[in-house]
Amino acid sequence: MPARQLYIGLMSGTSADAIDAALVDLTSTPQLIASFSQPIPAQLKRQIHAIALPGDNEIDRMGSLDVELGQRFASCVKALIDKAGILSNDILAIGSHGQTIRHRPPGSAEGTFTLQIGDPNVIAELTGITTVADFRRRDMAAGGQGAPLVPAFHRAIFSSGANYAVINIGGMANVTWLPVNGDIIGFDTGPGNVLMDTWIQEHLQKPFDKDGAWAASGKVIPELLSHLLCDPFFSQPFPKSTGREYFNRQWIAKHLQALKQQPNKEDVQATLLLLTAITVSESIKSVGSSADEVLICGGGTFNRALMGEIQRLLPSCKVRSTAHYGVDPQWIEAMAFSWLAKQTMNHKPGNLCAVTGAKREVILGGIYYA
């Protein structure tokens, strides 16, 4: 029997709530062996969110955060290794997504670039494990959006004899269309949890709306919903990607100003939830009208109200968590970056041109040897 091919994937998403680490056996079909989530302290989270928007003294602030996050990523890896009862020498490589602090896709007025921090030099040095990082910029150099990158992994674990639409609902949401016949399609659909999390943090000092209970207590504001849905991003053709620099508190405020009177806070939350449900479901209809099943992963899976709305808007599809197929929805993104690290180490491409819009498939990321 061949030795296990063990990789670790690291993910810190748009919400910057925690660093997720997944230990994955990639000998054949990806298998999650162990996982560990390390919360990001509130003060550090605020610093990450602040630097995601233009501000003063950005280079010094970024440099300091880059090193600190590298140290925290390394700490998370060590905790995962201890939990799994293995040695660092058992791991072939770490794939670190890093913390996105700015994403300017093609067509942005500010230029085209993407930036993730969490210094891979620090991770490799502190863990003693070869680290692969900076996955997105090579795809952008090839003319792509640099995102989403997870659809290639969705193909690896979900492709079968059915037409699947896979929806990842993290801070942002993205769709992957996996047809039995035809090209894989994937793109960012817009905000996932980011606006709901931002709104409830501001008004109830809670990091997220558990089960969507606060949203469920409110009533959707048709006028506000109409304003939100008119944003040009939603009608923009794919490939497309986005981030917190676009969908944020200022974006909400801009649309609230268009209302004749200021609404109840819980009604805004209900409207933001329906916005995510509509933009996700409409994206599925646009590319996967023949979907047999819609599989949901990411933090949005645990929002019962959101899951219910998506099912209501897609009555002809089965909408369910990826857990139904034995893949924990919380860990798919971290698992994806372990798989992308293996692709890089094996000199194989990690992007899908039909998803990102890149001119060609390319090997992603840089390798920082132990």
Protein backbone atom coordinates (compact mmCIF):
# COMPACT_ATOMS: atom_id res chain seq x y z
CA MET A 1 0.00 0.00 0.00
CA PRO A 2 1.47 3.42 -0.96
CA ALA A 3 2.32 5.89 1.78
CA ARG A 4 -0.40 8.41 2.50
CA GLN A 5 -0.05 11.77 0.79
CA LEU A 6 -0.88 14.18 3.59
CA TYR A 7 -1.32 17.90 3.00
CA ILE A 8 -2.63 20.74 5.14
CA GLY A 9 -4.88 23.49 3.81
CA LEU A 10 -5.18 26.87 5.53
CA MET A 11 -8.07 29.26 5.00
CA SER A 12 -8.94 32.64 6.47
CA GLY A 13 -11.97 34.03 4.72
CA THR A 14 -13.51 37.43 4.11
CA SER A 15 -15.14 37.51 7.54
CA ALA A 16 -11.75 37.00 9.27
CA ASP A 17 -13.44 35.16 12.13
CA ALA A 18 -10.96 32.30 12.34
CA ILE A 19 -8.12 30.43 10.69
CA ASP A 20 -9.27 27.01 9.50
CA ALA A 21 -6.74 24.22 9.06
CA ALA A 22 -7.58 20.91 7.40
CA LEU A 23 -5.39 17.81 7.32
CA VAL A 24 -6.25 15.96 4.11
CA ASP A 25 -5.21 12.62 2.67
CA LEU A 26 -4.82 13.17 -1.07
CA THR A 27 -3.60 9.69 -1.96
CA SER A 28 -6.76 9.22 -4.05
CA THR A 29 -10.16 10.82 -3.41
CA PRO A 30 -9.60 13.67 -0.91
CA GLN A 31 -10.31 12.58 2.65
CA LEU A 32 -10.47 14.94 5.63
CA ILE A 33 -8.38 13.38 8.41
CA ALA A 34 -8.49 16.12 11.05
CA SER A 35 -9.37 19.79 11.37
CA PHE A 36 -8.73 22.69 13.70
CA SER A 37 -10.14 26.21 13.85
CA GLN A 38 -8.28 29.00 15.65
CA PRO A 39 -10.36 32.12 16.37
CA ILE A 40 -8.94 35.46 15.28
CA PRO A 41 -8.98 37.91 18.22
CA ALA A 42 -11.42 40.80 17.91
CA GLN A 43 -8.70 43.48 17.79
CA LEU A 44 -6.82 41.67 15.01
CA LYS A 45 -10.07 41.14 13.11
CA ARG A 46 -10.73 44.88 13.25
CA GLN A 47 -7.24 45.59 11.91
CA ILE A 48 -7.80 43.15 9.02
CA HIS A 49 -11.13 44.72 8.12
CA ALA A 50 -9.66 48.22 8.37
CA ILE A 51 -6.78 47.51 6.02
CA ALA A 52 -9.15 45.91 3.51
CA LEU A 53 -10.26 49.48 2.72
CA PRO A 54 -7.99 52.36 1.65
CA GLY A 55 -6.49 54.25 4.60
CA ASP A 56 -3.42 55.84 6.11
CA ASN A 57 -0.02 54.21 6.65
CA GLU A 58 -1.03 51.12 4.72
CA ILE A 59 2.44 49.70 4.02
CA ASP A 60 3.57 49.60 7.65
CA ARG A 61 0.20 48.26 8.80
CA MET A 62 0.25 45.59 6.11
CA GLY A 63 3.83 44.56 6.87
CA SER A 64 3.09 44.10 10.55
CA LEU A 65 -0.13 42.15 9.89
CA ASP A 66 1.64 40.00 7.30
CA VAL A 67 4.11 38.71 9.87
CA GLU A 68 1.57 38.35 12.69
CA LEU A 69 -0.82 36.39 10.52
CA GLY A 70 2.04 34.18 9.32
CA GLN A 71 2.78 33.39 12.96
CA ARG A 72 -0.87 32.63 13.68
CA PHE A 73 -1.19 30.40 10.61
CA ALA A 74 1.88 28.48 11.80
CA SER A 75 0.43 28.17 15.30
CA CYS A 76 -2.79 26.78 13.83
CA VAL A 77 -0.83 24.20 11.83
CA LYS A 78 1.05 23.07 14.94
CA ALA A 79 -2.20 22.71 16.89
CA LEU A 80 -3.69 20.62 14.08
CA ILE A 81 -0.62 18.36 13.94
CA ASP A 82 -0.76 17.84 17.72
CA LYS A 83 -4.48 17.08 17.55
CA ALA A 84 -3.96 14.54 14.75
CA GLY A 85 -1.07 12.86 16.56
CA ILE A 86 1.29 13.04 13.59
CA LEU A 87 4.70 14.56 12.88
CA SER A 88 5.48 17.60 10.75
CA ASN A 89 7.64 15.31 8.58
CA ASP A 90 4.46 13.40 7.66
CA ILE A 91 3.12 16.46 5.82
CA LEU A 92 4.21 16.94 2.20
CA ALA A 93 3.18 20.59 2.05
CA ILE A 94 0.89 23.30 3.42
CA GLY A 95 -1.39 25.22 1.08
CA SER A 96 -2.12 28.64 2.54
CA HIS A 97 -4.78 30.85 0.97
CA GLY A 98 -3.73 33.77 3.16
CA GLN A 99 -5.92 36.65 4.27
CA THR A 100 -7.25 38.73 1.39
CA ILE A 101 -6.91 42.44 2.12
CA ARG A 102 -7.55 43.79 -1.38
CA HIS A 103 -9.00 42.27 -4.54
CA ARG A 104 -9.29 44.37 -7.69
CA PRO A 105 -10.52 42.17 -10.55
CA PRO A 106 -10.07 43.11 -14.21
CA GLY A 107 -11.97 46.27 -15.01
CA SER A 108 -11.47 47.89 -11.60
CA ALA A 109 -10.81 51.62 -11.74
CA GLU A 110 -7.94 51.15 -9.28
CA GLY A 111 -6.15 48.65 -11.50
CA THR A 112 -6.03 44.85 -11.61
CA PHE A 113 -4.40 43.08 -8.68
CA THR A 114 -5.08 40.89 -5.68
CA LEU A 115 -3.26 40.76 -2.35
CA GLN A 116 -3.28 38.10 0.37
CA ILE A 117 -1.13 38.33 3.51
CA GLY A 118 0.11 35.83 6.09
CA ASP A 119 3.80 35.51 5.25
CA PRO A 120 4.52 31.98 3.90
CA ASN A 121 8.21 32.44 4.79
CA VAL A 122 7.16 32.62 8.44
CA ILE A 123 4.84 29.61 8.10
CA ALA A 124 7.53 27.45 6.51
CA GLU A 125 10.16 28.52 9.03
CA LEU A 126 8.04 28.03 12.15
CA THR A 127 6.44 24.74 11.09
CA GLY A 128 9.35 23.16 9.23
CA ILE A 129 6.91 22.26 6.42
CA THR A 130 7.14 23.34 2.79
CA THR A 131 4.46 25.95 2.19
CA VAL A 132 2.65 26.90 -1.02
CA ALA A 133 0.97 30.32 -1.07
CA ASP A 134 0.01 33.31 -3.25
CA PHE A 135 -2.24 31.19 -5.47
CA ARG A 136 -4.31 33.94 -7.06
CA ARG A 137 -1.82 36.26 -8.73
CA ARG A 138 -0.56 33.81 -11.36
CA ASP A 139 -4.09 33.34 -12.65
CA MET A 140 -4.47 37.13 -12.85
CA ALA A 141 -1.16 37.35 -14.71
CA ALA A 142 -2.71 34.98 -17.25
CA GLY A 143 -5.66 37.34 -17.68
CA GLY A 144 -7.97 35.75 -15.10
CA GLN A 145 -9.97 37.03 -12.17
CA GLY A 146 -7.79 35.17 -9.65
CA ALA A 147 -11.02 33.81 -8.18
CA PRO A 148 -12.83 31.65 -7.49
CA LEU A 149 -10.24 28.85 -7.34
CA VAL A 150 -12.26 26.29 -5.40
CA PRO A 151 -14.37 25.05 -8.39
CA ALA A 152 -11.46 22.90 -9.59
CA PHE A 153 -11.56 21.13 -6.21
CA HIS A 154 -15.36 20.83 -6.37
CA ARG A 155 -14.84 18.90 -9.61
CA ALA A 156 -12.39 16.58 -7.87
CA ILE A 157 -14.77 15.62 -5.08
CA PHE A 158 -18.30 15.95 -6.48
CA SER A 159 -18.26 15.10 -10.18
CA SER A 160 -20.39 12.06 -10.86
CA GLY A 161 -23.40 11.01 -12.90
CA ALA A 162 -25.55 13.95 -11.78
CA ASN A 163 -25.76 17.66 -12.58
CA TYR A 164 -24.63 19.50 -9.47
CA ALA A 165 -24.53 23.15 -8.55
CA VAL A 166 -22.20 23.74 -5.61
CA ILE A 167 -22.63 26.97 -3.68
CA ASN A 168 -20.02 28.18 -1.23
CA ILE A 169 -21.49 30.79 1.11
CA GLY A 170 -18.69 32.38 3.07
CA GLY A 171 -18.22 36.12 3.41
CA MET A 172 -18.77 36.18 -0.33
CA ALA A 173 -20.71 33.53 -2.22
CA ASN A 174 -19.69 31.65 -5.34
CA VAL A 175 -21.28 29.04 -7.56
CA THR A 176 -19.77 26.05 -9.35
CA TRP A 177 -21.80 24.37 -12.08
CA LEU A 178 -20.76 20.72 -12.50
CA PRO A 179 -22.73 19.27 -15.41
CA VAL A 180 -22.54 15.65 -16.51
CA ASN A 181 -21.78 16.98 -20.00
CA GLY A 182 -20.31 20.38 -20.79
CA ASP A 183 -17.92 22.89 -19.29
CA ILE A 184 -17.61 23.62 -15.60
CA ILE A 185 -18.67 27.18 -14.82
CA GLY A 186 -17.93 29.11 -11.64
CA PHE A 187 -18.00 32.71 -10.44
CA ASP A 188 -18.68 34.92 -7.44
CA THR A 189 -22.38 35.65 -7.07
CA GLY A 190 -21.91 38.57 -4.65
CA PRO A 191 -22.27 38.86 -0.88
CA GLY A 192 -22.73 35.70 1.14
CA ASN A 193 -22.63 36.35 4.87
CA VAL A 194 -20.56 39.54 4.82
CA LEU A 195 -23.37 42.11 4.83
CA MET A 196 -25.50 40.22 7.36
CA ASP A 197 -22.49 39.76 9.65
CA THR A 198 -21.54 43.43 9.34
CA TRP A 199 -25.07 44.62 10.13
CA ILE A 200 -25.63 42.41 13.18
CA GLN A 201 -22.16 43.20 14.56
CA GLU A 202 -22.93 46.91 14.37
CA HIS A 203 -26.39 46.76 15.94
CA LEU A 204 -26.38 43.72 18.26
CA GLN A 205 -22.62 43.26 18.78
CA LYS A 206 -22.85 39.67 17.57
CA PRO A 207 -20.42 38.22 15.00
CA PHE A 208 -23.19 36.46 13.04
CA ASP A 209 -26.94 35.87 12.98
CA LYS A 210 -27.32 32.37 14.42
CA ASP A 211 -29.78 30.34 12.34
CA GLY A 212 -30.83 33.61 10.72
CA ALA A 213 -33.08 34.22 13.73
CA TRP A 214 -32.74 38.03 13.73
CA ALA A 215 -33.43 38.18 9.99
CA ALA A 216 -36.46 35.92 10.48
CA SER A 217 -37.84 38.36 13.06
CA GLY A 218 -37.91 41.16 10.46
CA LYS A 219 -39.80 41.88 7.28
CA VAL A 220 -38.23 42.34 3.87
CA ILE A 221 -38.22 45.95 2.63
CA PRO A 222 -39.20 45.77 -1.07
CA GLU A 223 -37.85 49.23 -1.90
CA LEU A 224 -34.47 48.50 -0.34
CA LEU A 225 -34.26 45.07 -1.95
CA SER A 226 -34.96 46.63 -5.34
CA HIS A 227 -32.15 49.16 -4.83
CA LEU A 228 -29.71 46.44 -3.78
CA LEU A 229 -30.51 44.17 -6.70
CA CYS A 230 -29.93 47.02 -9.16
CA ASP A 231 -26.22 47.04 -8.35
CA PRO A 232 -24.39 46.46 -11.66
CA PHE A 233 -22.30 43.62 -10.24
CA PHE A 234 -25.30 41.29 -10.24
CA SER A 235 -25.99 41.74 -13.95
CA GLN A 236 -22.32 41.64 -14.93
CA PRO A 237 -21.51 38.58 -17.06
CA PHE A 238 -19.11 35.97 -15.73
CA PRO A 239 -16.25 35.41 -15.18
CA LYS A 240 -16.45 37.76 -12.23
CA SER A 241 -15.21 38.05 -8.67
CA THR A 242 -15.60 40.46 -5.79
CA GLY A 243 -14.71 41.10 -2.16
CA ARG A 244 -15.13 43.19 0.97
CA GLU A 245 -13.68 46.26 -0.73
CA TYR A 246 -16.90 46.34 -2.79
CA PHE A 247 -19.62 44.81 -0.58
CA ASN A 248 -19.26 46.44 2.85
CA ARG A 249 -20.90 48.77 5.37
CA GLN A 250 -20.50 51.73 3.04
CA TRP A 251 -22.33 49.81 0.32
CA ILE A 252 -25.28 49.23 2.67
CA ALA A 253 -25.27 52.91 3.75
CA LYS A 254 -25.35 54.11 0.14
CA HIS A 255 -28.54 52.18 -0.52
CA LEU A 256 -30.17 53.10 2.79
CA GLN A 257 -29.76 56.77 1.90
CA ALA A 258 -32.02 56.24 -1.09
CA LEU A 259 -34.96 55.32 1.17
CA LYS A 260 -37.58 57.87 2.17
CA GLN A 261 -37.34 56.84 5.82
CA GLN A 262 -34.91 54.77 7.83
CA PRO A 263 -36.21 51.22 8.41
CA ASN A 264 -36.14 48.93 11.41
CA LYS A 265 -32.78 47.25 11.90
CA GLU A 266 -34.19 43.71 11.81
CA ASP A 267 -36.00 44.52 8.54
CA VAL A 268 -32.67 45.48 6.98
CA GLN A 269 -31.25 42.15 8.13
CA ALA A 270 -34.17 40.28 6.59
CA THR A 271 -33.60 42.14 3.33
CA LEU A 272 -29.87 41.40 3.30
CA LEU A 273 -30.60 37.70 3.83
CA LEU A 274 -33.04 37.64 0.92
CA LEU A 275 -30.49 39.49 -1.23
CA THR A 276 -28.01 36.65 -0.75
CA ALA A 277 -30.68 34.00 -1.38
CA ILE A 278 -31.90 35.69 -4.58
CA THR A 279 -28.47 36.37 -6.07
CA VAL A 280 -27.35 32.80 -5.33
CA SER A 281 -30.49 31.21 -6.74
CA GLU A 282 -30.61 33.43 -9.83
CA SER A 283 -26.97 32.60 -10.54
CA ILE A 284 -27.80 28.90 -10.42
CA LYS A 285 -30.74 29.40 -12.80
CA SER A 286 -28.52 31.30 -15.22
CA VAL A 287 -26.00 28.48 -15.63
CA GLY A 288 -27.54 25.33 -14.18
CA SER A 289 -31.26 25.33 -14.85
CA SER A 290 -31.07 21.54 -15.20
CA ALA A 291 -29.42 21.03 -11.80
CA ASP A 292 -30.43 17.81 -10.08
CA GLU A 293 -29.07 18.97 -6.74
CA VAL A 294 -27.74 22.14 -5.15
CA LEU A 295 -25.03 21.46 -2.59
CA ILE A 296 -24.26 24.20 -0.07
CA CYS A 297 -21.00 24.62 1.83
CA GLY A 298 -19.42 27.36 3.91
CA GLY A 299 -20.75 29.16 6.96
CA GLY A 300 -24.05 29.98 5.26
CA THR A 301 -24.96 26.30 5.46
CA PHE A 302 -25.68 26.80 9.16
CA ASN A 303 -28.09 29.69 8.59
CA ARG A 304 -31.44 27.88 8.58
CA ALA A 305 -33.40 30.89 7.39
CA LEU A 306 -31.03 31.39 4.46
CA MET A 307 -31.11 27.71 3.48
CA GLY A 308 -34.91 27.81 3.62
CA GLU A 309 -35.07 30.84 1.33
CA ILE A 310 -32.73 29.26 -1.22
CA GLN A 311 -34.88 26.11 -1.26
CA ARG A 312 -38.02 28.24 -1.67
CA LEU A 313 -36.47 30.03 -4.65
CA LEU A 314 -35.32 26.74 -6.22
CA PRO A 315 -38.40 24.55 -5.74
CA SER A 316 -37.45 22.03 -8.42
CA CYS A 317 -34.03 21.26 -6.92
CA LYS A 318 -32.91 19.41 -3.83
CA VAL A 319 -30.99 21.96 -1.75
CA ARG A 320 -28.82 20.43 0.94
CA SER A 321 -25.50 20.60 2.72
CA THR A 322 -22.44 18.88 1.29
CA ALA A 323 -22.51 16.87 4.53
CA HIS A 324 -25.09 14.70 2.78
CA TYR A 325 -22.20 13.36 0.72
CA GLY A 326 -19.83 13.03 3.66
CA VAL A 327 -17.98 16.32 3.07
CA ASP A 328 -18.13 18.68 6.04
CA PRO A 329 -19.32 22.07 4.67
CA GLN A 330 -17.16 24.00 7.12
CA TRP A 331 -13.89 22.56 5.80
CA ILE A 332 -14.24 22.45 2.02
CA GLU A 333 -12.34 25.68 1.35
CA ALA A 334 -9.42 24.69 3.60
CA MET A 335 -9.41 21.24 1.96
CA ALA A 336 -9.34 22.92 -1.44
CA PHE A 337 -6.08 24.70 -0.67
CA SER A 338 -4.44 21.46 0.44
CA TRP A 339 -5.43 20.06 -2.98
CA LEU A 340 -4.16 23.17 -4.78
CA ALA A 341 -0.85 22.81 -2.92
CA LYS A 342 -0.53 19.26 -4.23
CA GLN A 343 -1.27 20.47 -7.76
CA THR A 344 1.53 23.03 -7.48
CA MET A 345 4.02 20.59 -5.96
CA ASN A 346 3.26 18.14 -8.79
CA HIS A 347 3.70 20.87 -11.44
CA LYS A 348 0.01 20.73 -12.41
CA PRO A 349 -2.33 23.67 -13.08
CA GLY A 350 -4.88 24.66 -10.46
CA ASN A 351 -7.14 27.10 -12.29
CA LEU A 352 -10.03 26.53 -14.67
CA CYS A 353 -10.08 28.97 -17.59
CA ALA A 354 -13.86 28.75 -17.98
CA VAL A 355 -14.16 29.89 -14.35
CA THR A 356 -11.56 32.63 -13.95
CA GLY A 357 -11.31 33.78 -17.55
CA ALA A 358 -7.56 33.14 -17.72
CA LYS A 359 -6.07 32.67 -21.19
CA ARG A 360 -4.58 29.33 -20.19
CA GLU A 361 -4.28 26.88 -17.34
CA VAL A 362 -1.28 27.69 -15.14
CA ILE A 363 0.56 26.31 -12.13
CA LEU A 364 -0.53 28.46 -9.22
CA GLY A 365 1.38 29.83 -6.25
CA GLY A 366 4.90 30.08 -4.99
CA ILE A 367 6.74 27.33 -3.09
CA TYR A 368 8.56 28.15 0.15
CA TYR A 369 10.66 25.14 1.01
CA ALA A 370 11.12 23.96 4.58
